Protein backbone atom coordinates (compact mmCIF):
# COMPACT_ATOMS: atom_id res chain seq x y z
CA UNK A 1 -4.53 14.16 -12.46
CA UNK A 2 -4.51 14.85 -8.72
CA UNK A 3 -4.65 11.94 -6.32
CA UNK A 4 -8.28 11.08 -5.75
CA UNK A 5 -10.23 12.11 -2.71
CA UNK A 6 -13.59 12.49 -4.40
CA UNK A 7 -16.89 12.27 -2.60
CA UNK A 8 -19.49 9.79 -3.81
CA UNK A 9 -22.21 11.56 -5.74
CA UNK A 10 -25.64 10.59 -6.97
CA UNK A 11 -25.44 9.33 -10.54
CA UNK A 12 -27.40 11.49 -12.93
CA UNK A 13 -26.99 12.83 -16.44
CA UNK A 14 -25.90 16.25 -15.19
CA UNK A 15 -23.65 15.27 -12.28
CA UNK A 16 -20.06 16.56 -12.06
CA UNK A 17 -17.47 13.88 -12.99
CA UNK A 18 -15.52 12.65 -9.98
CA UNK A 19 -11.88 13.72 -9.82
CA UNK A 20 -10.48 10.23 -10.51
CA UNK A 21 -7.88 9.09 -13.05
CA UNK A 22 -8.45 5.59 -14.48
CA UNK A 23 -6.27 3.53 -16.84
CA UNK A 24 -7.86 0.57 -18.69
CA UNK A 25 -5.40 -2.12 -19.86
CA UNK A 26 -6.85 -4.77 -22.20
CA UNK A 27 -5.78 -6.21 -25.55
CA UNK A 28 -9.41 -6.40 -26.74
CA UNK A 29 -10.35 -3.17 -28.51
CA UNK A 30 -14.06 -3.80 -27.93
CA UNK A 31 -13.64 -3.99 -24.15
CA UNK A 32 -11.42 -0.88 -24.10
CA UNK A 33 -13.93 1.14 -26.11
CA UNK A 34 -16.91 -0.17 -24.10
CA UNK A 35 -15.34 0.77 -20.75
CA UNK A 36 -13.96 4.08 -21.99
CA UNK A 37 -17.36 5.27 -23.28
CA UNK A 38 -19.18 4.06 -20.17
CA UNK A 39 -16.80 5.52 -17.58
CA UNK A 40 -15.60 8.80 -19.08
CA UNK A 41 -18.82 10.69 -18.24
CA UNK A 42 -18.56 9.67 -14.58
CA UNK A 43 -14.82 10.15 -13.96
CA UNK A 44 -12.58 13.06 -14.89
CA UNK A 45 -9.82 11.10 -16.70
CA UNK A 46 -10.23 7.70 -18.38
CA UNK A 47 -7.39 6.47 -20.62
CA UNK A 48 -6.66 3.06 -22.14
CA UNK A 49 -3.74 0.92 -23.30
CA UNK A 50 -3.65 -2.20 -25.49
CA UNK A 51 -0.73 -3.82 -23.63
CA UNK A 52 1.35 -3.44 -20.48
CA UNK A 53 4.18 -1.76 -22.42
CA UNK A 54 1.84 1.01 -23.58
CA UNK A 55 0.44 1.21 -20.04
CA UNK A 56 3.97 1.75 -18.68
CA UNK A 57 4.47 4.67 -21.07
CA UNK A 58 1.23 6.29 -19.93
CA UNK A 59 2.14 5.81 -16.27
CA UNK A 60 5.46 7.57 -16.80
CA UNK A 61 3.69 10.78 -17.78
CA UNK A 62 0.54 10.61 -15.64
CA UNK A 63 -0.68 9.41 -12.26
CA UNK A 64 -3.63 6.99 -12.17
CA UNK A 65 -5.71 6.32 -9.08
CA UNK A 66 -7.23 3.12 -10.47
CA UNK A 67 -6.00 0.47 -12.92
CA UNK A 68 -8.57 -1.81 -14.63
CA UNK A 69 -6.45 -4.68 -15.97
CA UNK A 70 -7.19 -7.83 -17.98
CA UNK A 71 -5.43 -10.87 -16.53
CA UNK A 72 -4.74 -12.71 -19.82
CA UNK A 73 -2.88 -10.63 -22.43
CA UNK A 74 -0.11 -11.35 -24.95
CA UNK A 75 3.38 -10.78 -23.55
CA UNK A 76 3.30 -9.87 -19.87
CA UNK A 77 0.06 -10.94 -18.24
CA UNK A 78 -1.93 -8.48 -16.20
CA UNK A 79 -0.97 -10.33 -13.01
CA UNK A 80 2.76 -10.18 -13.83
CA UNK A 81 2.52 -6.47 -14.63
CA UNK A 82 0.65 -5.58 -11.44
CA UNK A 83 3.09 -7.68 -9.40
CA UNK A 84 5.98 -5.60 -10.80
CA UNK A 85 4.08 -2.41 -10.00
CA UNK A 86 3.47 -3.54 -6.42
CA UNK A 87 7.17 -4.37 -5.98
CA UNK A 88 8.06 -0.84 -7.14
CA UNK A 89 5.61 0.66 -4.62
CA UNK A 90 2.75 1.69 -6.94
CA UNK A 91 -0.18 2.75 -4.67
CA UNK A 92 -2.91 2.64 -7.37
CA UNK A 93 -6.01 0.54 -6.76
CA UNK A 94 -6.51 -2.41 -9.14
CA UNK A 95 -9.56 -4.15 -10.59
CA UNK A 96 -8.77 -7.33 -12.54
CA UNK A 97 -10.88 -8.62 -15.46
CA UNK A 98 -10.84 -12.15 -16.86
CA UNK A 99 -12.88 -14.44 -19.10
CA UNK A 100 -11.32 -17.54 -17.53
CA UNK A 101 -11.99 -17.28 -13.81
CA UNK A 102 -10.59 -19.99 -11.59
CA UNK A 103 -9.57 -20.31 -7.96
CA UNK A 104 -5.89 -19.63 -8.73
CA UNK A 105 -6.74 -16.36 -10.48
CA UNK A 106 -8.86 -15.23 -7.54
CA UNK A 107 -6.14 -16.10 -5.03
CA UNK A 108 -3.47 -14.30 -7.05
CA UNK A 109 -5.68 -11.23 -7.43
CA UNK A 110 -6.26 -11.09 -3.68
CA UNK A 111 -2.55 -11.57 -2.97
CA UNK A 112 -1.76 -8.52 -5.10
CA UNK A 113 -4.31 -6.43 -3.22
CA UNK A 114 -6.90 -6.20 -6.00
CA UNK A 115 -10.09 -4.41 -5.05
CA UNK A 116 -12.21 -6.67 -7.27
CA UNK A 117 -12.12 -9.46 -9.88
CA UNK A 118 -14.66 -8.99 -12.69
CA UNK A 119 -15.72 -12.00 -14.78
CA UNK A 120 -16.31 -11.24 -18.48
CA UNK A 121 -18.87 -10.60 -19.78
CA UNK A 122 -20.12 -8.12 -17.17
CA UNK A 123 -22.70 -5.35 -17.12
CA UNK A 124 -21.37 -1.81 -17.03
CA UNK A 125 -23.30 -1.17 -13.81
CA UNK A 126 -21.28 -3.95 -12.17
CA UNK A 127 -18.04 -2.26 -13.22
CA UNK A 128 -19.22 1.16 -12.06
CA UNK A 129 -20.14 -0.31 -8.68
CA UNK A 130 -16.68 -1.89 -8.42
CA UNK A 131 -15.01 1.42 -9.32
CA UNK A 132 -17.15 3.32 -6.82
CA UNK A 133 -16.27 0.82 -4.09
CA UNK A 134 -12.58 1.56 -4.71
CA UNK A 135 -13.23 5.30 -4.48
CA UNK A 136 -15.25 4.96 -1.28
CA UNK A 137 -12.64 2.74 0.37
CA UNK A 138 -9.86 5.18 -0.55
CA UNK A 139 -11.88 8.10 0.82
CA UNK A 140 -12.70 6.29 4.07
CA UNK A 141 -9.06 5.31 4.54
CA UNK A 142 -7.95 8.91 4.16
CA UNK A 143 -10.70 10.29 6.37
CA UNK A 144 -9.78 7.81 9.08
CA UNK A 145 -6.12 8.83 8.85
CA UNK A 146 -6.92 12.52 8.93
CA UNK A 147 -9.42 12.19 11.79
CA UNK A 148 -6.82 10.33 13.84
CA UNK A 149 -4.35 13.16 13.32
CA UNK A 150 -6.99 15.80 14.03
CA UNK A 151 -7.89 14.18 17.35
CA UNK A 152 -4.20 14.12 18.28
CA UNK A 153 -3.80 17.81 17.37
CA UNK A 154 -7.16 19.11 18.61
CA UNK A 155 -7.16 22.41 20.47
CA UNK A 156 -9.69 23.11 23.18
CA UNK A 157 -10.55 26.79 22.84
CA UNK A 158 -11.90 27.76 19.44
CA UNK A 159 -11.65 31.29 18.07
CA UNK A 160 -13.70 32.59 20.98
CA UNK A 161 -14.02 36.25 21.90
CA UNK A 162 -15.72 39.48 20.87
CA UNK A 163 -12.78 41.85 21.28
CA UNK A 164 -12.05 44.13 18.34
CA UNK A 165 -8.93 42.12 17.49
CA UNK A 166 -10.83 38.81 17.37
CA UNK A 167 -13.70 40.24 15.33
CA UNK A 168 -11.16 41.64 12.88
CA UNK A 169 -9.36 38.29 12.74
CA UNK A 170 -12.54 36.33 11.98
CA UNK A 171 -13.55 38.82 9.27
CA UNK A 172 -10.11 38.56 7.65
CA UNK A 173 -10.18 34.75 7.74
CA UNK A 174 -13.58 34.78 6.00
CA UNK A 175 -12.37 37.16 3.29
CA UNK A 176 -9.29 35.13 2.35
CA UNK A 177 -10.79 31.65 2.77
CA UNK A 178 -11.92 31.18 -0.83
CA UNK A 179 -8.63 32.34 -2.38
CA UNK A 180 -6.24 29.56 -3.52
CA UNK A 181 -3.15 31.51 -2.38
CA UNK A 182 -0.80 30.36 0.36
CA UNK A 183 -1.33 31.88 3.81
CA UNK A 184 1.20 32.67 6.54
CA UNK A 185 -0.16 32.81 10.10
CA UNK A 186 2.07 34.37 12.75
CA UNK A 187 1.56 34.58 16.48
CA UNK A 188 2.96 33.48 19.81
CA UNK A 189 2.80 29.90 21.04
CA UNK A 190 -0.68 28.95 22.25
CA UNK A 191 -2.59 31.78 20.56
CA UNK A 192 -4.61 29.48 18.27
CA UNK A 193 -2.80 29.54 14.93
CA UNK A 194 -4.03 26.05 14.02
CA UNK A 195 -7.59 27.08 14.85
CA UNK A 196 -7.23 30.02 12.47
CA UNK A 197 -5.95 27.64 9.78
CA UNK A 198 -8.91 25.31 10.35
CA UNK A 199 -11.29 28.26 10.06
CA UNK A 200 -9.76 29.14 6.68
CA UNK A 201 -10.20 25.55 5.48
CA UNK A 202 -13.77 25.22 6.76
CA UNK A 203 -14.83 28.36 4.89
CA UNK A 204 -12.80 27.64 1.75
CA UNK A 205 -15.25 25.23 0.13
CA UNK A 206 -12.43 22.78 -0.54
CA UNK A 207 -13.77 19.21 -0.48
CA UNK A 208 -10.54 17.57 0.70
CA UNK A 209 -9.25 17.19 4.22
CA UNK A 210 -7.44 19.53 6.61
CA UNK A 211 -4.11 17.87 7.42
CA UNK A 212 -1.96 19.42 10.18
CA UNK A 213 1.77 18.70 10.54
CA UNK A 214 4.27 20.10 13.04
CA UNK A 215 7.52 20.69 11.14
CA UNK A 216 9.47 20.98 14.39
CA UNK A 217 8.33 17.56 15.65
CA UNK A 218 9.65 15.49 12.71
CA UNK A 219 13.29 14.42 12.47
CA UNK A 220 15.14 16.12 9.60
CA UNK A 221 15.96 12.80 7.94
CA UNK A 222 12.28 11.75 7.89
CA UNK A 223 10.47 14.93 6.90
CA UNK A 224 10.77 14.48 3.11
CA UNK A 225 9.21 11.02 3.30
CA UNK A 226 6.55 12.29 5.71
CA UNK A 227 5.50 15.12 3.40
CA UNK A 228 5.94 13.55 -0.04
CA UNK A 229 5.69 9.81 0.66
CA UNK A 230 8.00 7.08 -0.63
CA UNK A 231 8.01 3.95 -2.73
CA UNK A 232 9.00 0.52 -1.49
CA UNK A 233 12.79 0.28 -1.15
CA UNK A 234 13.37 4.05 -1.25
CA UNK A 235 15.52 3.66 1.88
CA UNK A 236 16.56 0.87 4.22
CA UNK A 237 13.41 0.73 6.35
CA UNK A 238 10.96 1.41 3.48
CA UNK A 239 9.46 -2.08 3.42
CA UNK A 240 6.29 -0.84 1.73
CA UNK A 241 5.13 2.21 -0.19
CA UNK A 242 3.55 5.04 1.79
CA UNK A 243 1.56 8.10 0.80
CA UNK A 244 2.79 11.44 2.15
CA UNK A 245 0.84 14.19 3.87
CA UNK A 246 0.54 16.18 0.63
CA UNK A 247 -1.31 13.21 -0.88
CA UNK A 248 -3.64 12.96 2.12
CA UNK A 249 -4.37 16.69 1.82
CA UNK A 250 -5.09 16.53 -1.93
CA UNK A 251 -8.15 18.66 -2.66
CA UNK A 252 -7.87 20.19 0.80
CA UNK A 253 -5.49 22.12 3.04
CA UNK A 254 -2.05 21.23 4.42
CA UNK A 255 -1.20 23.14 7.61
CA UNK A 256 2.56 23.44 8.16
CA UNK A 257 3.03 24.53 11.76
CA UNK A 258 6.42 25.79 12.98
CA UNK A 259 7.49 26.30 9.38
CA UNK A 260 10.68 28.06 10.57
CA UNK A 261 11.94 24.67 11.80
CA UNK A 262 11.89 23.19 8.29
CA UNK A 263 15.47 22.25 7.25
CA UNK A 264 16.90 24.37 4.40
CA UNK A 265 17.06 21.46 1.89
CA UNK A 266 13.36 20.78 2.49
CA UNK A 267 12.56 24.47 2.09
CA UNK A 268 13.91 24.22 -1.47
CA UNK A 269 11.71 21.19 -2.21
CA UNK A 270 8.63 22.82 -0.66
CA UNK A 271 9.17 25.89 -2.85
CA UNK A 272 9.25 23.64 -5.92
CA UNK A 273 5.94 22.02 -4.90
CA UNK A 274 4.30 25.41 -4.39
CA UNK A 275 5.49 26.60 -7.80
CA UNK A 276 4.84 23.42 -9.81
CA UNK A 277 1.82 21.95 -8.02
CA UNK A 278 3.40 18.49 -7.99
CA UNK A 279 5.24 16.25 -5.52
CA UNK A 280 7.94 13.67 -6.13
CA UNK A 281 7.76 10.74 -3.67
CA UNK A 282 11.11 9.57 -2.32
CA UNK A 283 12.70 6.94 -4.54
CA UNK A 284 10.97 7.87 -7.79
CA UNK A 285 11.66 10.26 -10.65
CA UNK A 286 7.96 10.69 -11.46
CA UNK A 287 6.07 13.80 -10.37
CA UNK A 288 2.52 13.46 -9.06
CA UNK A 289 0.20 16.49 -9.43
CA UNK A 290 -1.55 17.59 -6.25
CA UNK A 291 -4.20 20.21 -5.55
CA UNK A 292 -3.29 21.41 -2.07
CA UNK A 293 -3.62 24.79 -0.41
CA UNK A 294 -0.72 25.39 1.97
CA UNK A 295 -1.24 27.35 5.18
CA UNK A 296 1.97 27.87 7.17
CA UNK A 297 2.45 29.16 10.70
CA UNK A 298 5.32 30.40 12.83
CA UNK A 299 5.61 31.55 16.42
CA UNK A 300 8.60 33.74 15.57
CA UNK A 301 9.01 36.42 12.88
CA UNK A 302 9.99 34.68 9.63
CA UNK A 303 11.59 37.83 8.24
CA UNK A 304 14.16 37.60 11.04
CA UNK A 305 14.88 33.98 10.10
CA UNK A 306 15.39 35.18 6.51
CA UNK A 307 17.84 37.87 7.67
CA UNK A 308 19.75 35.28 9.70
CA UNK A 309 19.99 32.91 6.72
CA UNK A 310 17.84 30.22 8.36
CA UNK A 311 14.91 30.58 5.98
CA UNK A 312 14.84 30.99 2.21
CA UNK A 313 13.78 34.46 1.11
CA UNK A 314 12.02 33.17 -2.02
CA UNK A 315 10.00 30.67 0.03
CA UNK A 316 9.13 33.41 2.53
CA UNK A 317 7.64 35.58 -0.23
CA UNK A 318 5.86 32.57 -1.75
CA UNK A 319 4.19 31.77 1.60
CA UNK A 320 3.59 35.37 2.61
CA UNK A 321 1.02 36.15 -0.08
CA UNK A 322 -1.62 36.52 2.65
CA UNK A 323 -0.48 37.15 6.22
CA UNK A 324 -2.54 36.70 9.37
CA UNK A 325 -1.47 37.84 12.84
CA UNK A 326 -3.16 36.07 15.77
CA UNK A 327 -3.17 38.36 18.83
CA UNK A 328 -1.76 37.19 22.18
CA UNK A 329 -4.22 36.75 25.05
CA UNK A 330 -2.68 39.62 27.06
CA UNK A 331 -3.85 42.00 24.29
CA UNK A 332 -7.46 40.81 24.49
CA UNK A 333 -8.05 40.27 28.20
CA UNK A 334 -11.70 41.29 27.74
CA UNK A 335 -12.20 37.91 26.01
CA UNK A 336 -11.27 35.92 29.14
CA UNK A 337 -14.86 35.61 30.51
CA UNK A 338 -16.10 34.14 27.19
CA UNK A 339 -13.05 31.88 26.92
CA UNK A 340 -13.55 30.75 30.51
CA UNK A 341 -17.20 29.80 29.88
CA UNK A 342 -16.23 27.92 26.72
CA UNK A 343 -13.36 26.00 28.32
CA UNK A 344 -15.21 25.15 31.52
CA UNK A 345 -18.19 23.80 29.57
CA UNK A 346 -16.01 21.67 27.30
CA UNK A 347 -13.56 20.38 29.91
CA UNK A 348 -16.17 19.65 32.58
CA UNK A 349 -18.02 17.43 30.07
CA UNK A 350 -14.80 15.66 29.10
CA UNK A 351 -13.69 15.11 32.70
CA UNK A 352 -17.14 14.36 34.10
CA UNK A 353 -16.72 17.01 36.81
CA UNK A 354 -19.40 19.44 37.94
CA UNK A 355 -17.77 22.89 37.78
CA UNK A 356 -17.99 25.35 40.65
CA UNK A 357 -19.02 28.90 39.71
CA UNK A 358 -16.17 31.37 39.26
CA UNK A 359 -16.19 34.56 41.30
CA UNK A 360 -15.37 38.13 40.39
CA UNK A 361 -12.09 37.64 42.26
CA UNK A 362 -11.23 34.80 39.88
CA UNK A 363 -11.95 36.96 36.83
CA UNK A 364 -9.86 39.81 38.23
CA UNK A 365 -6.95 37.44 38.89
CA UNK A 366 -7.18 35.98 35.39
CA UNK A 367 -7.33 39.41 33.76
CA UNK A 368 -4.42 40.71 35.85
CA UNK A 369 -2.10 37.95 34.61
CA UNK A 370 0.00 38.36 31.44
CA UNK A 371 -0.49 34.82 30.02
CA UNK A 372 2.88 34.03 28.39
CA UNK A 373 1.42 30.68 27.26
CA UNK A 374 -1.73 32.38 25.91
CA UNK A 375 -5.00 30.44 25.46
CA UNK A 376 -3.22 27.10 25.80
CA UNK A 377 -2.03 28.15 29.26
CA UNK A 378 -5.55 29.29 30.20
CA UNK A 379 -6.90 25.89 29.14
CA UNK A 380 -4.26 24.18 31.29
CA UNK A 381 -5.21 26.31 34.29
CA UNK A 382 -8.94 25.62 33.87
CA UNK A 383 -8.27 21.88 33.65
CA UNK A 384 -6.16 21.94 36.83
CA UNK A 385 -8.81 24.04 38.55
CA UNK A 386 -11.46 21.40 37.80
CA UNK A 387 -9.26 18.44 38.75
CA UNK A 388 -7.93 19.96 41.98
CA UNK A 389 -11.18 21.73 43.00
CA UNK A 390 -9.24 24.98 43.36
CA UNK A 391 -10.29 28.37 42.07
CA UNK A 392 -8.24 30.05 39.32
CA UNK A 393 -7.30 32.82 41.76
CA UNK A 394 -5.90 30.25 44.20
CA UNK A 395 -3.87 28.55 41.50
CA UNK A 396 -2.44 31.81 40.16
CA UNK A 397 -1.49 33.03 43.61
CA UNK A 398 -0.02 29.73 44.81
CA UNK A 399 1.87 28.56 41.74
CA UNK A 400 5.22 30.10 40.97
CA UNK A 401 4.62 29.32 37.32
CA UNK A 402 2.00 32.10 37.28
CA UNK A 403 4.04 34.87 38.95
CA UNK A 404 5.83 37.63 37.17
CA UNK A 405 9.50 37.91 38.18
CA UNK A 406 10.07 40.96 40.38
CA UNK A 407 13.72 41.40 39.49
CA UNK A 408 15.82 40.86 36.39
CA UNK A 409 19.26 39.32 36.03
CA UNK A 410 22.48 41.16 36.93
CA UNK A 411 23.53 43.50 34.12
CA UNK A 412 27.06 42.09 34.32
CA UNK A 413 25.88 38.63 33.16
CA UNK A 414 26.63 37.71 29.54
CA UNK A 415 23.63 36.87 27.35
CA UNK A 416 24.43 33.15 27.41
CA UNK A 417 24.27 33.10 31.22
CA UNK A 418 20.96 34.99 31.25
CA UNK A 419 19.52 32.48 28.77
CA UNK A 420 20.76 29.56 30.85
CA UNK A 421 19.26 31.00 34.04
CA UNK A 422 15.93 31.69 32.37
CA UNK A 423 15.71 28.16 30.94
CA UNK A 424 16.52 26.71 34.37
CA UNK A 425 13.81 28.89 35.95
CA UNK A 426 11.13 27.92 33.42
CA UNK A 427 12.06 24.23 33.65
CA UNK A 428 11.81 24.37 37.43
CA UNK A 429 8.46 26.15 37.28
CA UNK A 430 7.14 23.38 35.02
CA UNK A 431 8.44 20.50 37.12
CA UNK A 432 11.18 19.67 34.61
CA UNK A 433 8.64 19.03 31.83
CA UNK A 434 10.40 20.03 28.60
CA UNK A 435 7.28 20.21 26.44
CA UNK A 436 5.51 22.68 28.75
CA UNK A 437 8.74 24.64 29.24
CA UNK A 438 9.23 24.94 25.48
CA UNK A 439 5.66 26.27 25.13
CA UNK A 440 6.29 28.94 27.77
CA UNK A 441 9.66 29.88 26.22
CA UNK A 442 8.09 30.15 22.77
CA UNK A 443 10.51 27.67 21.18
CA UNK A 444 10.16 24.13 19.88
CA UNK A 445 10.96 21.06 21.94
CA UNK A 446 13.78 20.31 19.48
CA UNK A 447 15.33 23.76 20.01
CA UNK A 448 15.06 23.37 23.78
CA UNK A 449 16.77 19.97 23.63
CA UNK A 450 19.60 21.51 21.63
CA UNK A 451 20.06 24.29 24.19
CA UNK A 452 19.90 21.79 27.06
CA UNK A 453 22.63 19.69 25.47
CA UNK A 454 24.89 22.68 24.86
CA UNK A 455 24.39 23.95 28.41
CA UNK A 456 24.36 20.49 30.04
CA UNK A 457 20.97 21.18 31.61
CA UNK A 458 18.47 18.44 32.34
CA UNK A 459 14.69 17.95 32.28
CA UNK A 460 12.17 15.17 32.01
């Protein structure tokens, strides 16, 4: 069963079972049958085992979100079994049961991270409350994680604008939102590809979270663990088990930005996940089913990367079932007044600054500029305008970063020299800031660093 991210629902005879997989481990047949009958109508999968050996066999073929385990059983005790699971990195929640409660049992249960310790005999409502508490805690933990990432990745513009291209884009996003197929979003840096992905998720009806990840910002040696998770001891620094981003996005949408930066070995593994609907955390041979819609994005044509051998053709076709093109700002200059109102309202509230009204001269200057950094660059200009109390027209006219070059490079220069000169120019225009320079150049920070090293250029 997929990793749980179910929402708490009102209990009623006709409610939909929550998408949770539970394994009951108890040597008493009466307890197993009692719990199985009581829980199966509330939770999607409820299985049972009479001993830890049988439980191990079931765990080899299925993933369980919650283990309900008796402490005292013949052979390995429940505590010994759970301790071995914890040492191997098992992330399942645990509820212990016992008919012989004492302080030592309670301490040991807490040490192993048990969610609850149930004293036999108990009422079924007590057990259901304990199970629901586990589900709620798991959901809150994931929501907190996802919200933290969303705040870090938040864009400031929204899909604002009434140009024909933006109306067409919004209509297309609405039409494809409910489909389970993968989506490929293409567009220049700063156009709002993540916002388009969020719009798809919000209209999809999927109950899980939207989880964004920048493939170009994660080191190649860490990306498999970041996406798929790992068990304790999977590698030298894996001191504890960790869920991957696919697990956090279970039931929702995983947004893979800068997909062209994904290393080739990881492209193979991503293709397998898309085809099989299951992930394999680092350090284990056991697959875990996941229900995740993948939305990928690239600021450069992926078909060119395929032609150059940098991107797998089969993965390209698997991702390119539905393709979205986000237009650059220079092709929808009529949207600038609406974008300006939106950004000024939002940023003035955030900064606590009373905005000055913009003039027709400001609008003319903004609409005469080509916006290589697109909406992200417009947001940056509005923020500087508020902080410096300067009009957009003044900033555009005074800042070399917002001037079009009047001459090209000598035709006798080799391509490498032209590239070097252009990188130097963009770095200088951005005060040596590599991140901003990479945005303007339309490449990742990692690619820029590689070019800087090969050319012996420097930036902050």
